[in-house]
Amino acid sequence: MARYEIADVETASLGEAPAGADAFYQLGMMYSIGRSVPVDLVAAHKWFNIAALRGSGDATRLRREVADQMSESEIAAAQRAARAWLTKH
């Protein structure tokens, strides 16, 4: 499995090839289980949301599972973060 550097995906410019759903799915996994980063369900939801938009069915399922552990305000923050990221990229 390929490793993805968080900075590479988070700061990808429009001039680069767009990252596939798997890259965003892996970021969601990293944040949801705390692999190499602290657990952050808002960030996990954000990345699963972006992966789901790019066609990952697994990300859709895991986004729901993560959301079950979050407050409404945390879900809203994750959705805003995903929209902001998508607007910039």
N, C-alpha and C. Protein backbone atom coordinates (compact mmCIF):
# COMPACT_ATOMS: atom_id res chain seq x y z
N MET A 1 0.84 -1.18 0.00
CA MET A 1 0.00 0.00 0.00
C MET A 1 0.89 1.24 0.00
N ALA A 2 0.52 2.19 -0.77
CA ALA A 2 1.30 3.43 -0.86
C ALA A 2 1.06 4.28 0.38
N ARG A 3 2.08 5.01 0.77
CA ARG A 3 1.95 5.95 1.88
C ARG A 3 1.67 7.31 1.31
N TYR A 4 0.83 8.08 1.99
CA TYR A 4 0.49 9.41 1.54
C TYR A 4 0.95 10.39 2.60
N GLU A 5 1.64 11.39 2.18
CA GLU A 5 2.06 12.43 3.10
C GLU A 5 0.91 13.41 3.24
N ILE A 6 0.56 13.71 4.49
CA ILE A 6 -0.57 14.60 4.76
C ILE A 6 -0.37 15.95 4.08
N ALA A 7 0.80 16.50 4.19
CA ALA A 7 1.05 17.82 3.60
C ALA A 7 0.86 17.79 2.09
N ASP A 8 1.23 16.70 1.45
CA ASP A 8 1.09 16.61 0.00
C ASP A 8 -0.36 16.71 -0.43
N VAL A 9 -1.24 16.02 0.24
CA VAL A 9 -2.65 16.03 -0.15
C VAL A 9 -3.33 17.31 0.29
N GLU A 10 -3.03 17.78 1.50
CA GLU A 10 -3.70 18.97 2.01
C GLU A 10 -3.31 20.22 1.25
N THR A 11 -2.12 20.25 0.66
CA THR A 11 -1.66 21.46 -0.02
C THR A 11 -1.51 21.27 -1.52
N ALA A 12 -2.09 20.21 -2.06
CA ALA A 12 -1.99 19.94 -3.50
C ALA A 12 -2.50 21.15 -4.28
N SER A 13 -1.74 21.54 -5.27
CA SER A 13 -2.14 22.70 -6.06
C SER A 13 -2.99 22.25 -7.24
N LEU A 14 -3.67 23.18 -7.86
CA LEU A 14 -4.51 22.87 -9.00
C LEU A 14 -3.70 22.37 -10.18
N GLY A 15 -2.43 22.71 -10.24
CA GLY A 15 -1.59 22.31 -11.35
C GLY A 15 -1.17 20.86 -11.29
N GLU A 16 -1.36 20.19 -10.16
CA GLU A 16 -0.97 18.80 -10.02
C GLU A 16 -2.16 17.90 -10.34
N ALA A 17 -1.88 16.65 -10.65
CA ALA A 17 -2.95 15.70 -10.89
C ALA A 17 -3.77 15.53 -9.62
N PRO A 18 -5.09 15.49 -9.73
CA PRO A 18 -5.92 15.35 -8.54
C PRO A 18 -5.71 13.99 -7.87
N ALA A 19 -5.69 14.00 -6.56
CA ALA A 19 -5.53 12.77 -5.80
C ALA A 19 -6.81 11.94 -5.92
N GLY A 20 -6.66 10.63 -5.95
CA GLY A 20 -7.81 9.75 -6.06
C GLY A 20 -8.49 9.55 -4.71
N ALA A 21 -9.63 8.90 -4.75
CA ALA A 21 -10.42 8.65 -3.55
C ALA A 21 -9.61 7.90 -2.49
N ASP A 22 -8.73 6.99 -2.93
CA ASP A 22 -7.97 6.18 -1.97
C ASP A 22 -7.06 7.04 -1.10
N ALA A 23 -6.48 8.08 -1.66
CA ALA A 23 -5.60 8.96 -0.87
C ALA A 23 -6.39 9.62 0.25
N PHE A 24 -7.59 10.09 -0.06
CA PHE A 24 -8.42 10.75 0.95
C PHE A 24 -8.96 9.74 1.95
N TYR A 25 -9.30 8.55 1.47
CA TYR A 25 -9.74 7.47 2.35
C TYR A 25 -8.66 7.15 3.37
N GLN A 26 -7.41 7.04 2.90
CA GLN A 26 -6.30 6.74 3.81
C GLN A 26 -6.11 7.84 4.85
N LEU A 27 -6.29 9.09 4.45
CA LEU A 27 -6.21 10.18 5.43
C LEU A 27 -7.32 10.06 6.46
N GLY A 28 -8.52 9.72 6.02
CA GLY A 28 -9.62 9.49 6.96
C GLY A 28 -9.29 8.39 7.94
N MET A 29 -8.71 7.31 7.44
CA MET A 29 -8.31 6.20 8.32
C MET A 29 -7.27 6.65 9.32
N MET A 30 -6.28 7.40 8.85
CA MET A 30 -5.22 7.87 9.75
C MET A 30 -5.81 8.64 10.92
N TYR A 31 -6.69 9.58 10.62
CA TYR A 31 -7.26 10.42 11.67
C TYR A 31 -8.29 9.67 12.52
N SER A 32 -8.99 8.70 11.95
CA SER A 32 -10.02 8.00 12.71
C SER A 32 -9.43 7.03 13.73
N ILE A 33 -8.25 6.46 13.42
CA ILE A 33 -7.65 5.51 14.35
C ILE A 33 -6.37 6.02 15.00
N GLY A 34 -5.94 7.21 14.61
CA GLY A 34 -4.73 7.77 15.21
C GLY A 34 -3.45 7.13 14.71
N ARG A 35 -3.40 6.79 13.44
CA ARG A 35 -2.20 6.19 12.85
C ARG A 35 -1.26 7.32 12.41
N SER A 36 -0.18 7.51 13.14
CA SER A 36 0.84 8.52 12.88
C SER A 36 0.39 9.95 13.19
N VAL A 37 -0.85 10.13 13.61
CA VAL A 37 -1.40 11.43 14.00
C VAL A 37 -2.35 11.21 15.17
N PRO A 38 -2.62 12.26 15.95
CA PRO A 38 -3.62 12.10 17.02
C PRO A 38 -5.00 11.84 16.41
N VAL A 39 -5.84 11.05 17.10
CA VAL A 39 -7.21 10.83 16.66
C VAL A 39 -7.91 12.18 16.57
N ASP A 40 -8.55 12.43 15.45
CA ASP A 40 -9.28 13.67 15.22
C ASP A 40 -10.49 13.32 14.35
N LEU A 41 -11.65 13.13 14.99
CA LEU A 41 -12.83 12.69 14.25
C LEU A 41 -13.34 13.74 13.27
N VAL A 42 -13.13 15.01 13.57
CA VAL A 42 -13.53 16.07 12.62
C VAL A 42 -12.71 15.94 11.34
N ALA A 43 -11.40 15.78 11.48
CA ALA A 43 -10.54 15.61 10.31
C ALA A 43 -10.86 14.31 9.59
N ALA A 44 -11.11 13.23 10.34
CA ALA A 44 -11.45 11.95 9.72
C ALA A 44 -12.72 12.08 8.89
N HIS A 45 -13.74 12.71 9.44
CA HIS A 45 -15.01 12.91 8.73
C HIS A 45 -14.77 13.73 7.46
N LYS A 46 -13.99 14.78 7.59
CA LYS A 46 -13.67 15.63 6.43
C LYS A 46 -13.07 14.80 5.30
N TRP A 47 -12.04 14.01 5.60
CA TRP A 47 -11.36 13.24 4.56
C TRP A 47 -12.23 12.12 4.02
N PHE A 48 -13.02 11.46 4.88
CA PHE A 48 -13.95 10.44 4.40
C PHE A 48 -15.00 11.08 3.50
N ASN A 49 -15.43 12.27 3.83
CA ASN A 49 -16.41 12.99 3.01
C ASN A 49 -15.85 13.25 1.62
N ILE A 50 -14.62 13.74 1.56
CA ILE A 50 -13.99 14.02 0.26
C ILE A 50 -13.78 12.73 -0.52
N ALA A 51 -13.36 11.66 0.16
CA ALA A 51 -13.19 10.37 -0.51
C ALA A 51 -14.52 9.86 -1.05
N ALA A 52 -15.58 10.03 -0.27
CA ALA A 52 -16.90 9.60 -0.70
C ALA A 52 -17.33 10.37 -1.95
N LEU A 53 -17.06 11.66 -1.96
CA LEU A 53 -17.40 12.47 -3.13
C LEU A 53 -16.63 12.03 -4.37
N ARG A 54 -15.45 11.44 -4.15
CA ARG A 54 -14.64 10.95 -5.27
C ARG A 54 -14.96 9.50 -5.61
N GLY A 55 -16.00 8.93 -4.97
CA GLY A 55 -16.47 7.62 -5.37
C GLY A 55 -16.18 6.45 -4.45
N SER A 56 -15.66 6.67 -3.27
CA SER A 56 -15.34 5.57 -2.35
C SER A 56 -16.56 5.19 -1.51
N GLY A 57 -17.09 4.00 -1.77
CA GLY A 57 -18.20 3.49 -0.97
C GLY A 57 -17.80 3.21 0.46
N ASP A 58 -16.58 2.71 0.66
CA ASP A 58 -16.10 2.44 2.01
C ASP A 58 -16.02 3.74 2.82
N ALA A 59 -15.61 4.81 2.17
CA ALA A 59 -15.53 6.10 2.86
C ALA A 59 -16.91 6.58 3.28
N THR A 60 -17.91 6.32 2.46
CA THR A 60 -19.28 6.70 2.81
C THR A 60 -19.71 5.99 4.08
N ARG A 61 -19.44 4.70 4.15
CA ARG A 61 -19.80 3.90 5.33
C ARG A 61 -19.04 4.37 6.57
N LEU A 62 -17.74 4.59 6.44
CA LEU A 62 -16.95 5.00 7.59
C LEU A 62 -17.27 6.42 8.03
N ARG A 63 -17.63 7.28 7.09
CA ARG A 63 -18.05 8.64 7.46
C ARG A 63 -19.26 8.57 8.38
N ARG A 64 -20.20 7.68 8.06
CA ARG A 64 -21.38 7.49 8.92
C ARG A 64 -21.00 6.97 10.29
N GLU A 65 -20.08 6.00 10.33
CA GLU A 65 -19.64 5.45 11.61
C GLU A 65 -18.96 6.51 12.47
N VAL A 66 -18.11 7.31 11.86
CA VAL A 66 -17.44 8.38 12.60
C VAL A 66 -18.46 9.40 13.08
N ALA A 67 -19.42 9.75 12.23
CA ALA A 67 -20.44 10.73 12.59
C ALA A 67 -21.25 10.28 13.80
N ASP A 68 -21.45 8.97 13.96
CA ASP A 68 -22.18 8.45 15.12
C ASP A 68 -21.48 8.76 16.44
N GLN A 69 -20.19 9.06 16.38
CA GLN A 69 -19.40 9.35 17.58
C GLN A 69 -19.18 10.86 17.78
N MET A 70 -19.78 11.67 16.90
CA MET A 70 -19.54 13.12 16.91
C MET A 70 -20.80 13.88 17.30
N SER A 71 -20.59 15.08 17.82
CA SER A 71 -21.72 15.97 18.09
C SER A 71 -22.15 16.65 16.79
N GLU A 72 -23.32 17.24 16.80
CA GLU A 72 -23.80 17.95 15.61
C GLU A 72 -22.86 19.09 15.22
N SER A 73 -22.31 19.78 16.21
CA SER A 73 -21.40 20.89 15.90
C SER A 73 -20.09 20.38 15.31
N GLU A 74 -19.63 19.21 15.75
CA GLU A 74 -18.41 18.63 15.17
C GLU A 74 -18.66 18.20 13.72
N ILE A 75 -19.82 17.62 13.45
CA ILE A 75 -20.16 17.22 12.08
C ILE A 75 -20.22 18.46 11.19
N ALA A 76 -20.85 19.51 11.69
CA ALA A 76 -20.94 20.76 10.91
C ALA A 76 -19.55 21.32 10.63
N ALA A 77 -18.66 21.25 11.62
CA ALA A 77 -17.29 21.75 11.43
C ALA A 77 -16.56 20.91 10.37
N ALA A 78 -16.76 19.60 10.39
CA ALA A 78 -16.13 18.72 9.41
C ALA A 78 -16.66 19.01 8.01
N GLN A 79 -17.95 19.25 7.89
CA GLN A 79 -18.54 19.55 6.59
C GLN A 79 -18.03 20.89 6.06
N ARG A 80 -17.91 21.87 6.95
CA ARG A 80 -17.35 23.17 6.52
C ARG A 80 -15.90 23.01 6.06
N ALA A 81 -15.14 22.21 6.80
CA ALA A 81 -13.73 21.99 6.44
C ALA A 81 -13.62 21.30 5.08
N ALA A 82 -14.49 20.33 4.82
CA ALA A 82 -14.47 19.64 3.52
C ALA A 82 -14.82 20.61 2.40
N ARG A 83 -15.86 21.43 2.61
CA ARG A 83 -16.25 22.40 1.59
C ARG A 83 -15.12 23.39 1.32
N ALA A 84 -14.48 23.85 2.40
CA ALA A 84 -13.37 24.82 2.25
C ALA A 84 -12.23 24.17 1.46
N TRP A 85 -11.90 22.94 1.78
CA TRP A 85 -10.81 22.25 1.08
C TRP A 85 -11.17 22.10 -0.40
N LEU A 86 -12.39 21.65 -0.67
CA LEU A 86 -12.82 21.46 -2.06
C LEU A 86 -12.85 22.76 -2.84
N THR A 87 -13.20 23.85 -2.18
CA THR A 87 -13.22 25.17 -2.85
C THR A 87 -11.82 25.57 -3.27
N LYS A 88 -10.82 25.25 -2.44
CA LYS A 88 -9.44 25.63 -2.74
C LYS A 88 -8.76 24.68 -3.72
N HIS A 89 -9.28 23.47 -3.84
CA HIS A 89 -8.61 22.46 -4.67
C HIS A 89 -9.55 22.00 -5.73
